[in-house]
Amino acid sequence: MREFGIDVPGFTLHPDDVIGVNRHPDIMRSNGCCQGPSGTDGLNLVCMGCAVEVGTRQADCYTDNQVILEPRAVCLSFADD
């Protein structure tokens, strides 16, 4: 773990590589300090289709800019660019 980082178990992706998600409707899940959600308040991304909680976006000044997908909530799929 980094000095100020927060380790969340799951599949880690760059936010630009994640499609089909929206921010969680509970705005308290997106708390952060200065640049974005810290990811410390639980899953903060939901599926656009069914609204199931699917991942955590971290983008604050003391975290990496990343999305951690909940392994039990997603199916990974790969496509050619």
N, C-alpha and C. Protein backbone atom coordinates (compact mmCIF):
# COMPACT_ATOMS: atom_id res chain seq x y z
N MET A 1 0.85 -1.18 0.00
CA MET A 1 0.00 0.00 0.00
C MET A 1 0.89 1.24 0.00
N ARG A 2 0.49 2.25 -0.74
CA ARG A 2 1.22 3.52 -0.75
C ARG A 2 1.04 4.21 0.59
N GLU A 3 1.86 5.25 0.80
CA GLU A 3 1.83 5.94 2.09
C GLU A 3 0.44 6.47 2.42
N PHE A 4 -0.24 7.11 1.47
CA PHE A 4 -1.56 7.66 1.73
C PHE A 4 -2.64 6.98 0.90
N GLY A 5 -2.29 5.94 0.18
CA GLY A 5 -3.24 5.27 -0.69
C GLY A 5 -4.22 4.42 0.07
N ILE A 6 -5.24 4.00 -0.64
CA ILE A 6 -6.28 3.16 -0.05
C ILE A 6 -6.41 1.94 -0.93
N ASP A 7 -6.10 0.76 -0.40
CA ASP A 7 -6.21 -0.46 -1.17
C ASP A 7 -7.63 -0.99 -1.07
N VAL A 8 -8.22 -1.22 -2.22
CA VAL A 8 -9.56 -1.79 -2.31
C VAL A 8 -9.44 -3.05 -3.16
N PRO A 9 -9.90 -4.21 -2.69
CA PRO A 9 -9.76 -5.42 -3.49
C PRO A 9 -10.67 -5.38 -4.71
N GLY A 10 -10.18 -5.92 -5.82
CA GLY A 10 -10.98 -5.99 -7.04
C GLY A 10 -10.12 -5.80 -8.27
N PHE A 11 -10.76 -5.63 -9.41
CA PHE A 11 -10.08 -5.42 -10.68
C PHE A 11 -9.83 -3.92 -10.85
N THR A 12 -8.59 -3.51 -11.01
CA THR A 12 -8.25 -2.10 -11.10
C THR A 12 -8.10 -1.69 -12.56
N LEU A 13 -8.80 -0.62 -12.94
CA LEU A 13 -8.78 -0.12 -14.31
C LEU A 13 -8.62 1.39 -14.32
N HIS A 14 -8.17 1.93 -15.45
CA HIS A 14 -8.17 3.37 -15.64
C HIS A 14 -9.62 3.79 -15.86
N PRO A 15 -10.05 4.93 -15.32
CA PRO A 15 -11.45 5.36 -15.47
C PRO A 15 -11.91 5.46 -16.93
N ASP A 16 -11.00 5.81 -17.85
CA ASP A 16 -11.39 5.92 -19.26
C ASP A 16 -11.70 4.57 -19.89
N ASP A 17 -11.29 3.48 -19.25
CA ASP A 17 -11.52 2.14 -19.78
C ASP A 17 -12.80 1.50 -19.25
N VAL A 18 -13.53 2.20 -18.41
CA VAL A 18 -14.74 1.65 -17.81
C VAL A 18 -15.96 2.27 -18.50
N ILE A 19 -16.84 1.41 -19.01
CA ILE A 19 -18.06 1.89 -19.67
C ILE A 19 -19.28 1.29 -18.98
N GLY A 20 -20.42 1.91 -19.19
CA GLY A 20 -21.68 1.36 -18.68
C GLY A 20 -21.92 1.58 -17.21
N VAL A 21 -21.29 2.60 -16.63
CA VAL A 21 -21.50 2.89 -15.21
C VAL A 21 -21.91 4.35 -15.02
N ASN A 22 -22.58 4.60 -13.91
CA ASN A 22 -22.95 5.95 -13.46
C ASN A 22 -22.49 6.13 -12.03
N ARG A 23 -22.44 7.38 -11.59
CA ARG A 23 -22.14 7.64 -10.18
C ARG A 23 -23.29 7.12 -9.33
N HIS A 24 -22.97 6.71 -8.13
CA HIS A 24 -23.96 6.21 -7.18
C HIS A 24 -24.94 7.33 -6.85
N PRO A 25 -26.24 7.04 -6.74
CA PRO A 25 -27.21 8.09 -6.41
C PRO A 25 -27.04 8.67 -5.00
N ASP A 26 -26.41 7.92 -4.10
CA ASP A 26 -26.13 8.42 -2.75
C ASP A 26 -24.87 9.27 -2.81
N ILE A 27 -25.00 10.59 -2.79
CA ILE A 27 -23.86 11.47 -2.96
C ILE A 27 -22.83 11.31 -1.84
N MET A 28 -23.23 10.75 -0.71
CA MET A 28 -22.29 10.53 0.38
C MET A 28 -21.25 9.46 0.01
N ARG A 29 -21.51 8.66 -1.01
CA ARG A 29 -20.55 7.66 -1.47
C ARG A 29 -19.41 8.29 -2.28
N SER A 30 -19.58 9.56 -2.66
CA SER A 30 -18.57 10.23 -3.48
C SER A 30 -17.79 11.30 -2.72
N ASN A 31 -17.71 11.16 -1.40
CA ASN A 31 -16.95 12.12 -0.61
C ASN A 31 -15.49 12.12 -1.02
N GLY A 32 -14.89 13.29 -0.97
CA GLY A 32 -13.48 13.43 -1.28
C GLY A 32 -12.96 14.74 -0.74
N CYS A 33 -11.70 14.95 -0.95
CA CYS A 33 -11.05 16.14 -0.41
C CYS A 33 -11.03 17.29 -1.41
N CYS A 34 -10.38 17.10 -2.56
CA CYS A 34 -10.23 18.26 -3.45
C CYS A 34 -10.37 17.94 -4.92
N GLN A 35 -10.12 16.72 -5.37
CA GLN A 35 -10.14 16.45 -6.81
C GLN A 35 -11.21 15.45 -7.23
N GLY A 36 -11.77 14.71 -6.33
CA GLY A 36 -12.76 13.72 -6.70
C GLY A 36 -13.03 12.78 -5.55
N PRO A 37 -13.75 11.70 -5.82
CA PRO A 37 -14.08 10.77 -4.74
C PRO A 37 -12.84 10.05 -4.22
N SER A 38 -12.80 9.86 -2.92
CA SER A 38 -11.67 9.17 -2.31
C SER A 38 -11.82 7.66 -2.37
N GLY A 39 -13.06 7.18 -2.46
CA GLY A 39 -13.29 5.75 -2.48
C GLY A 39 -13.38 5.12 -1.11
N THR A 40 -13.42 5.94 -0.07
CA THR A 40 -13.43 5.42 1.30
C THR A 40 -14.84 5.20 1.84
N ASP A 41 -15.86 5.56 1.08
CA ASP A 41 -17.24 5.48 1.58
C ASP A 41 -18.05 4.37 0.90
N GLY A 42 -17.37 3.36 0.41
CA GLY A 42 -18.06 2.24 -0.21
C GLY A 42 -18.15 2.38 -1.72
N LEU A 43 -18.78 1.41 -2.32
CA LEU A 43 -18.93 1.40 -3.77
C LEU A 43 -19.64 2.68 -4.21
N ASN A 44 -19.09 3.35 -5.22
CA ASN A 44 -19.68 4.61 -5.65
C ASN A 44 -20.01 4.65 -7.14
N LEU A 45 -19.98 3.50 -7.79
CA LEU A 45 -20.41 3.37 -9.18
C LEU A 45 -21.49 2.31 -9.29
N VAL A 46 -22.46 2.57 -10.15
CA VAL A 46 -23.54 1.61 -10.37
C VAL A 46 -23.67 1.31 -11.86
N CYS A 47 -24.21 0.15 -12.17
CA CYS A 47 -24.47 -0.25 -13.54
C CYS A 47 -25.53 0.66 -14.15
N MET A 48 -25.29 1.15 -15.38
CA MET A 48 -26.27 2.00 -16.06
C MET A 48 -27.57 1.25 -16.34
N GLY A 49 -27.48 -0.06 -16.57
CA GLY A 49 -28.65 -0.84 -16.94
C GLY A 49 -29.53 -1.25 -15.79
N CYS A 50 -28.92 -1.68 -14.68
CA CYS A 50 -29.72 -2.24 -13.59
C CYS A 50 -29.51 -1.56 -12.24
N ALA A 51 -28.60 -0.60 -12.16
CA ALA A 51 -28.32 0.18 -10.95
C ALA A 51 -27.68 -0.62 -9.81
N VAL A 52 -27.12 -1.79 -10.11
CA VAL A 52 -26.40 -2.57 -9.10
C VAL A 52 -25.06 -1.90 -8.85
N GLU A 53 -24.61 -1.87 -7.60
CA GLU A 53 -23.31 -1.33 -7.26
C GLU A 53 -22.22 -2.21 -7.86
N VAL A 54 -21.33 -1.61 -8.66
CA VAL A 54 -20.33 -2.41 -9.38
C VAL A 54 -18.89 -2.03 -9.11
N GLY A 55 -18.62 -0.86 -8.53
CA GLY A 55 -17.23 -0.50 -8.35
C GLY A 55 -17.02 0.76 -7.54
N THR A 56 -15.74 1.07 -7.36
CA THR A 56 -15.33 2.24 -6.59
C THR A 56 -14.40 3.09 -7.43
N ARG A 57 -14.74 4.35 -7.60
CA ARG A 57 -13.86 5.31 -8.29
C ARG A 57 -13.06 6.04 -7.24
N GLN A 58 -11.74 6.09 -7.44
CA GLN A 58 -10.85 6.88 -6.61
C GLN A 58 -10.21 7.93 -7.51
N ALA A 59 -10.27 9.18 -7.12
CA ALA A 59 -9.68 10.24 -7.94
C ALA A 59 -9.30 11.45 -7.10
N ASP A 60 -9.09 11.26 -5.83
CA ASP A 60 -8.78 12.40 -4.98
C ASP A 60 -7.28 12.68 -5.00
N CYS A 61 -6.87 13.75 -4.37
CA CYS A 61 -5.47 14.18 -4.40
C CYS A 61 -4.53 13.19 -3.71
N TYR A 62 -5.02 12.34 -2.84
CA TYR A 62 -4.15 11.39 -2.14
C TYR A 62 -4.39 9.96 -2.57
N THR A 63 -5.12 9.76 -3.67
CA THR A 63 -5.36 8.41 -4.20
C THR A 63 -4.93 8.36 -5.65
N ASP A 64 -4.81 7.17 -6.18
CA ASP A 64 -4.59 7.01 -7.61
C ASP A 64 -5.88 7.31 -8.33
N ASN A 65 -5.79 7.74 -9.58
CA ASN A 65 -6.97 7.94 -10.42
C ASN A 65 -7.30 6.58 -11.02
N GLN A 66 -8.26 5.90 -10.43
CA GLN A 66 -8.55 4.52 -10.83
C GLN A 66 -9.98 4.13 -10.48
N VAL A 67 -10.41 3.05 -11.11
CA VAL A 67 -11.68 2.42 -10.78
C VAL A 67 -11.38 0.99 -10.37
N ILE A 68 -11.93 0.58 -9.24
CA ILE A 68 -11.79 -0.80 -8.79
C ILE A 68 -13.16 -1.45 -8.89
N LEU A 69 -13.26 -2.43 -9.79
CA LEU A 69 -14.53 -3.12 -9.99
C LEU A 69 -14.70 -4.23 -8.96
N GLU A 70 -15.90 -4.37 -8.46
CA GLU A 70 -16.25 -5.41 -7.49
C GLU A 70 -16.31 -6.75 -8.23
N PRO A 71 -15.43 -7.71 -7.94
CA PRO A 71 -15.38 -8.96 -8.69
C PRO A 71 -16.70 -9.73 -8.72
N ARG A 72 -17.50 -9.67 -7.67
CA ARG A 72 -18.75 -10.42 -7.63
C ARG A 72 -19.86 -9.74 -8.42
N ALA A 73 -19.63 -8.50 -8.87
CA ALA A 73 -20.70 -7.74 -9.52
C ALA A 73 -20.49 -7.53 -11.01
N VAL A 74 -19.34 -7.93 -11.54
CA VAL A 74 -19.05 -7.64 -12.95
C VAL A 74 -18.55 -8.87 -13.67
N CYS A 75 -18.69 -8.83 -14.99
CA CYS A 75 -18.09 -9.80 -15.88
C CYS A 75 -17.11 -9.03 -16.75
N LEU A 76 -15.87 -9.45 -16.76
CA LEU A 76 -14.88 -8.76 -17.58
C LEU A 76 -15.06 -9.17 -19.03
N SER A 77 -14.92 -8.21 -19.92
CA SER A 77 -15.03 -8.46 -21.35
C SER A 77 -14.00 -7.60 -22.05
N PHE A 78 -13.36 -8.16 -23.03
CA PHE A 78 -12.30 -7.45 -23.74
C PHE A 78 -12.68 -7.30 -25.20
N ALA A 79 -12.39 -6.13 -25.76
CA ALA A 79 -12.71 -5.86 -27.17
C ALA A 79 -11.48 -5.27 -27.83
N ASP A 80 -11.34 -5.53 -29.12
CA ASP A 80 -10.25 -4.92 -29.88
C ASP A 80 -10.55 -3.46 -30.08
N ASP A 81 -9.50 -2.64 -30.05
CA ASP A 81 -9.67 -1.19 -30.28
C ASP A 81 -9.96 -0.91 -31.74
